[in-house]
Amino acid sequence: MTRPITAGVDGSPESAAAAAWAAREAVRRELPLRLVHVGTPVPEALALAADEDARARWARDLLAETGQQIAERHPGLATTTDVLDEDGAAEALLAAARDAELLALGSRGHGPLVGFLLGSVGQQVIARAERPVVLVRSDDRPAGEAAGREVVVGQEGDPLDSAAALEFAFRTAAARGAAVRAVRAWSLPPVFAYSPASLGLLDESGGMEPYEKKALGEALAPWRERFPDVPVTEHVEIGSAGQVLLSVAPRAQLLVVGRRARRTAVGARIGSVAHAVLHHAPCPVTVVPVVPHTGGTGLTVR
């Protein structure tokens, strides 16, 4: 089954940028594009969509106009549009993501998510989506994807923990002719956190930093082999993962992080690293779900 690149459109400048980003990615990956609208129009459009029939017309017109603009930029790109049931917006978006190669949504950055991503809806979509979710700011432009800008990806834990994010980063870089910068941040944990076995591994590696570099190299090895034409920079730095990733984000055309969905008493939550980069990175951010260890290499993304 061919999965489309899907973008949520709600009338905001951020969602317009997300749709434009998704169209470019669909062209690069030779995939169809799907534009969807769900939920209440953004505040600026409410006066034009006061009742249910008016909102439906507004949504159809918005999708048609967005589709027309994309067709003018990308003739030949197969594009479909759908108005989703606004009851249960999060579930509708999660279903759209489930059937997509990836889901692109608008993000204000440096603050809360906008449009149908206000409050718990956005959090649920990002934290529960089974496919990658890309957050795009309104000031995103194609120039940011120009040669020389890297695809930056965060790596942590063992190779299987980061396989899905690394695969996404390498496949995206290969499609764009870009380089990958793989970032592994480390800190000095309390001495009691070390087991005798881990202390032995540290001794063999020559200390913490060589140990972290070795771990990053091992995680990257299968992806270097599968994508030999993608240049790779290995970046190991002491500090929190969020801070280190944000320090290199200005050179990135895309930042990729993995996430594990976490359930709390108040609902789904994303991790602190994803939270930091979603709100402060100057480039689009892809949040890739961590795939449970089942013996495979993780999520396969075209």
Protein backbone atom coordinates (compact mmCIF):
# COMPACT_ATOMS: atom_id res chain seq x y z
CA MET A 1 0.00 0.00 0.00
CA THR A 2 1.30 3.44 -0.94
CA ARG A 3 1.06 5.78 2.02
CA PRO A 4 0.60 9.50 1.31
CA ILE A 5 2.39 12.40 2.92
CA THR A 6 -0.43 13.97 4.94
CA ALA A 7 -0.72 17.58 6.13
CA GLY A 8 -3.24 19.16 8.47
CA VAL A 9 -4.70 22.44 7.22
CA ASP A 10 -6.66 24.79 9.50
CA GLY A 11 -6.28 28.23 7.92
CA SER A 12 -3.31 29.35 10.00
CA PRO A 13 0.00 30.51 8.45
CA GLU A 14 1.67 27.64 10.28
CA SER A 15 -0.53 25.01 8.65
CA ALA A 16 -0.01 26.63 5.25
CA ALA A 17 3.74 26.23 5.76
CA ALA A 18 3.19 22.62 6.84
CA ALA A 19 1.20 21.90 3.67
CA ALA A 20 3.92 23.47 1.50
CA TRP A 21 6.59 21.44 3.33
CA ALA A 22 4.56 18.25 2.89
CA ALA A 23 4.14 18.91 -0.84
CA ARG A 24 7.89 19.29 -1.36
CA GLU A 25 8.52 16.10 0.61
CA ALA A 26 5.88 14.21 -1.39
CA VAL A 27 7.59 15.26 -4.64
CA ARG A 28 11.00 14.15 -3.33
CA ARG A 29 9.67 10.78 -2.18
CA GLU A 30 7.41 10.33 -5.22
CA LEU A 31 4.36 9.88 -2.99
CA PRO A 32 0.85 11.35 -3.15
CA LEU A 33 -0.16 14.25 -0.92
CA ARG A 34 -3.24 14.28 1.31
CA LEU A 35 -4.58 17.50 2.83
CA VAL A 36 -6.97 17.17 5.78
CA HIS A 37 -8.98 19.59 7.89
CA VAL A 38 -10.39 18.74 11.29
CA GLY A 39 -11.86 20.75 14.14
CA THR A 40 -12.81 24.39 14.52
CA PRO A 41 -11.28 27.00 12.19
CA VAL A 42 -8.55 29.19 13.63
CA PRO A 43 -9.89 32.33 15.42
CA GLU A 44 -9.38 34.63 12.42
CA ALA A 45 -11.83 32.53 10.38
CA LEU A 46 -14.55 32.03 12.98
CA ALA A 47 -16.52 35.09 11.84
CA LEU A 48 -16.72 33.55 8.37
CA ALA A 49 -17.83 30.16 9.67
CA ALA A 50 -20.42 30.87 12.33
CA ASP A 51 -22.56 27.76 11.92
CA GLU A 52 -22.01 24.13 10.99
CA ASP A 53 -22.87 24.51 7.29
CA ALA A 54 -20.71 27.60 6.99
CA ARG A 55 -17.79 25.83 8.69
CA ALA A 56 -18.12 22.89 6.30
CA ARG A 57 -18.11 25.22 3.28
CA TRP A 58 -15.18 27.15 4.72
CA ALA A 59 -13.19 23.95 5.26
CA ARG A 60 -13.88 22.69 1.72
CA ASP A 61 -12.94 26.06 0.22
CA LEU A 62 -9.77 26.21 2.31
CA LEU A 63 -8.66 22.75 1.19
CA ALA A 64 -9.48 23.51 -2.43
CA GLU A 65 -7.54 26.78 -2.35
CA THR A 66 -4.55 25.13 -0.64
CA GLY A 67 -4.63 22.28 -3.15
CA GLN A 68 -4.73 24.74 -6.05
CA GLN A 69 -1.72 26.65 -4.72
CA ILE A 70 0.22 23.39 -4.39
CA ALA A 71 -0.79 22.28 -7.89
CA GLU A 72 0.59 25.53 -9.31
CA ARG A 73 3.94 24.91 -7.57
CA HIS A 74 4.08 21.17 -8.21
CA PRO A 75 2.22 20.21 -11.41
CA GLY A 76 1.61 16.50 -11.56
CA LEU A 77 1.63 15.92 -7.80
CA ALA A 78 -1.34 13.71 -6.95
CA THR A 79 -3.26 15.51 -4.20
CA THR A 80 -6.46 14.59 -2.35
CA THR A 81 -8.40 16.57 0.26
CA ASP A 82 -10.63 15.46 3.14
CA VAL A 83 -12.69 17.20 5.81
CA LEU A 84 -12.48 14.93 8.84
CA ASP A 85 -15.10 14.59 11.57
CA GLU A 86 -14.41 17.38 14.06
CA ASP A 87 -15.85 15.30 16.91
CA GLY A 88 -12.78 13.70 18.46
CA ALA A 89 -10.19 15.80 16.64
CA ALA A 90 -7.26 13.98 18.19
CA GLU A 91 -8.58 10.57 17.15
CA ALA A 92 -9.26 11.81 13.62
CA LEU A 93 -5.71 13.14 13.28
CA LEU A 94 -4.26 9.97 14.77
CA ALA A 95 -6.20 7.92 12.23
CA ALA A 96 -4.92 10.17 9.44
CA ALA A 97 -1.37 9.69 10.71
CA ARG A 98 -1.82 5.93 10.91
CA ASP A 99 -2.55 5.77 7.18
CA ALA A 100 0.25 8.18 6.23
CA GLU A 101 3.98 7.96 5.61
CA LEU A 102 4.20 10.97 7.89
CA LEU A 103 1.90 13.70 9.21
CA ALA A 104 2.91 17.37 8.86
CA LEU A 105 1.33 19.96 11.15
CA GLY A 106 1.85 23.64 11.85
CA SER A 107 3.71 24.78 14.96
CA ARG A 108 4.13 28.30 16.27
CA GLY A 109 7.42 27.48 17.99
CA HIS A 110 8.63 29.42 21.02
CA GLY A 111 5.21 28.86 22.53
CA PRO A 112 2.06 26.73 22.27
CA LEU A 113 1.02 24.84 19.18
CA VAL A 114 -1.75 26.50 17.20
CA GLY A 115 -5.02 25.74 15.43
CA PHE A 116 -6.32 22.22 16.00
CA LEU A 117 -3.13 21.57 17.99
CA LEU A 118 -4.21 23.73 20.91
CA GLY A 119 -4.05 22.06 24.30
CA SER A 120 -4.46 18.33 24.74
CA VAL A 121 -5.23 17.57 21.07
CA GLY A 122 -1.72 18.39 19.90
CA GLN A 123 -0.12 16.61 22.79
CA GLN A 124 -2.11 13.45 22.10
CA VAL A 125 -1.28 13.49 18.39
CA ILE A 126 2.45 13.90 18.95
CA ALA A 127 2.61 11.47 21.88
CA ARG A 128 0.37 8.75 20.42
CA ALA A 129 0.96 8.83 16.66
CA GLU A 130 2.19 5.56 15.18
CA ARG A 131 3.98 7.35 12.35
CA PRO A 132 6.40 10.29 12.29
CA VAL A 133 4.89 13.73 12.96
CA VAL A 134 6.60 16.81 11.50
CA LEU A 135 6.03 20.22 13.08
CA VAL A 136 6.57 23.18 10.74
CA ARG A 137 6.72 26.87 11.66
CA SER A 138 5.16 29.63 9.57
CA ASP A 139 8.54 31.08 8.53
CA ASP A 140 9.73 27.80 6.98
CA ARG A 141 10.95 28.28 3.40
CA PRO A 142 12.41 25.97 0.71
CA ALA A 143 15.71 27.82 1.03
CA GLY A 144 16.16 26.13 4.39
CA GLU A 145 16.49 22.83 2.53
CA ALA A 146 19.31 24.14 0.35
CA ALA A 147 22.56 22.23 0.04
CA GLY A 148 24.82 22.68 3.05
CA ARG A 149 22.11 22.44 5.70
CA GLU A 150 22.18 19.16 7.63
CA VAL A 151 19.57 16.71 8.78
CA VAL A 152 20.26 16.61 12.53
CA VAL A 153 19.16 13.53 14.48
CA GLY A 154 19.37 12.77 18.18
CA GLN A 155 20.68 9.36 19.23
CA GLU A 156 20.43 7.90 22.72
CA GLY A 157 20.36 4.52 24.39
CA ASP A 158 21.27 1.37 22.51
CA PRO A 159 21.09 1.02 18.71
CA LEU A 160 17.55 -0.41 18.70
CA ASP A 161 16.23 2.48 20.80
CA SER A 162 17.17 4.98 18.10
CA ALA A 163 16.80 2.84 14.96
CA ALA A 164 13.55 4.44 13.79
CA ALA A 165 14.79 8.02 14.18
CA LEU A 166 18.11 7.22 12.50
CA GLU A 167 16.41 5.47 9.59
CA PHE A 168 14.10 8.44 9.08
CA ALA A 169 17.04 10.87 9.16
CA PHE A 170 19.16 8.86 6.71
CA ARG A 171 16.29 8.27 4.27
CA THR A 172 15.36 11.95 4.35
CA ALA A 173 18.96 13.06 3.86
CA ALA A 174 19.37 10.62 0.95
CA ALA A 175 16.25 12.00 -0.75
CA ARG A 176 17.51 15.57 -0.30
CA GLY A 177 21.19 15.03 -1.07
CA ALA A 178 22.00 16.27 2.42
CA ALA A 179 24.39 15.26 5.18
CA VAL A 180 23.42 13.81 8.56
CA ARG A 181 24.69 15.11 11.88
CA ALA A 182 24.06 12.48 14.55
CA VAL A 183 24.08 13.96 18.05
CA ARG A 184 24.61 12.03 21.26
CA ALA A 185 24.59 14.07 24.48
CA TRP A 186 25.95 12.75 27.74
CA SER A 187 26.25 13.83 31.33
CA LEU A 188 27.98 12.59 34.46
CA PRO A 189 25.48 10.46 36.39
CA PRO A 190 25.89 9.68 40.11
CA VAL A 191 28.55 7.08 40.80
CA PHE A 192 25.96 4.70 42.21
CA ALA A 193 24.26 4.55 38.79
CA TYR A 194 27.13 2.45 37.46
CA SER A 195 27.07 -1.30 37.72
CA PRO A 196 30.34 -3.26 37.87
CA ALA A 197 29.70 -4.33 34.26
CA SER A 198 29.23 -0.74 33.03
CA LEU A 199 32.35 0.38 34.90
CA GLY A 200 34.24 -2.38 33.12
CA LEU A 201 33.00 -1.16 29.75
CA LEU A 202 34.04 2.40 30.63
CA ASP A 203 37.52 1.21 31.53
CA GLU A 204 37.80 -0.64 28.23
CA SER A 205 36.69 2.46 26.33
CA GLY A 206 39.06 4.80 28.16
CA GLY A 207 36.44 6.94 29.92
CA MET A 208 33.02 8.47 29.50
CA GLU A 209 33.51 10.45 26.28
CA PRO A 210 35.22 7.64 24.32
CA TYR A 211 32.51 5.30 25.62
CA GLU A 212 29.78 7.63 24.28
CA LYS A 213 31.58 8.02 20.94
CA LYS A 214 31.84 4.26 20.63
CA ALA A 215 28.13 3.87 21.40
CA LEU A 216 27.20 6.44 18.75
CA GLY A 217 29.45 4.80 16.18
CA GLU A 218 27.86 1.41 16.80
CA ALA A 219 24.35 2.86 16.46
CA LEU A 220 25.26 4.53 13.15
CA ALA A 221 27.09 1.58 11.60
CA PRO A 222 24.10 -0.17 9.94
CA TRP A 223 22.76 3.11 8.53
CA ARG A 224 26.15 4.12 7.14
CA GLU A 225 26.22 0.75 5.38
CA ARG A 226 22.68 1.11 3.99
CA PHE A 227 23.21 4.73 2.91
CA PRO A 228 26.89 4.91 1.87
CA ASP A 229 26.40 8.14 -0.13
CA VAL A 230 25.08 10.13 2.85
CA PRO A 231 27.89 12.10 4.58
CA VAL A 232 27.77 11.71 8.37
CA THR A 233 29.14 13.85 11.18
CA GLU A 234 29.29 12.22 14.60
CA HIS A 235 28.65 14.79 17.33
CA VAL A 236 29.21 13.81 20.98
CA GLU A 237 28.92 16.56 23.57
CA ILE A 238 28.44 16.81 27.32
CA GLY A 239 25.15 18.44 28.32
CA SER A 240 21.42 17.80 28.26
CA ALA A 241 20.13 16.31 25.01
CA GLY A 242 17.70 19.18 24.43
CA GLN A 243 20.38 21.85 24.90
CA VAL A 244 22.91 20.09 22.69
CA LEU A 245 20.39 19.54 19.89
CA LEU A 246 19.26 23.16 20.02
CA SER A 247 22.88 24.34 19.89
CA VAL A 248 23.30 22.73 16.44
CA ALA A 249 19.74 23.38 15.19
CA PRO A 250 20.63 26.66 13.39
CA ARG A 251 22.65 24.62 10.87
CA ALA A 252 19.81 22.12 10.31
CA GLN A 253 17.18 21.92 7.59
CA LEU A 254 15.38 19.30 9.68
CA LEU A 255 15.77 18.06 13.25
CA VAL A 256 14.74 14.46 14.06
CA VAL A 257 14.11 13.10 17.54
CA GLY A 258 12.66 9.84 18.80
CA ARG A 259 10.03 9.64 21.51
CA ARG A 260 8.43 7.12 23.77
CA ALA A 261 4.78 7.77 24.58
CA ARG A 262 4.34 8.24 28.30
CA ARG A 263 1.05 7.96 30.15
CA THR A 264 0.45 10.00 33.30
CA ALA A 265 -2.57 10.70 35.47
CA VAL A 266 -3.40 13.68 33.26
CA GLY A 267 -2.93 11.95 29.89
CA ALA A 268 -0.26 11.46 27.25
CA ARG A 269 3.03 13.33 27.56
CA ILE A 270 6.03 13.70 25.31
CA GLY A 271 9.55 13.63 26.68
CA SER A 272 11.53 16.67 27.75
CA VAL A 273 13.85 16.50 24.73
CA ALA A 274 11.02 16.52 22.19
CA HIS A 275 9.28 19.24 24.19
CA ALA A 276 12.37 21.47 24.11
CA VAL A 277 13.10 21.17 20.41
CA LEU A 278 9.44 21.48 19.36
CA HIS A 279 9.16 24.81 21.09
CA HIS A 280 12.56 26.31 20.31
CA ALA A 281 14.14 24.79 17.18
CA PRO A 282 14.26 27.24 14.24
CA CYS A 283 13.70 24.47 11.68
CA PRO A 284 11.02 21.79 11.15
CA VAL A 285 11.12 19.03 13.75
CA THR A 286 10.20 15.38 13.18
CA VAL A 287 9.11 13.32 16.17
CA VAL A 288 9.49 9.60 15.42
CA PRO A 289 7.86 6.98 17.64
CA VAL A 290 10.25 4.49 19.20
CA VAL A 291 9.40 1.01 17.99
CA PRO A 292 9.36 -1.78 20.60
CA HIS A 293 12.16 -4.29 20.19
CA THR A 294 10.71 -7.13 18.11
CA GLY A 295 13.82 -8.31 16.34
CA GLY A 296 13.55 -5.97 13.35
CA THR A 297 15.41 -2.73 12.71
CA GLY A 298 12.48 -0.46 13.48
CA LEU A 299 10.11 1.71 11.55
CA THR A 300 10.50 1.71 7.79
CA VAL A 301 9.88 5.08 6.21
CA ARG A 302 10.15 5.71 2.50
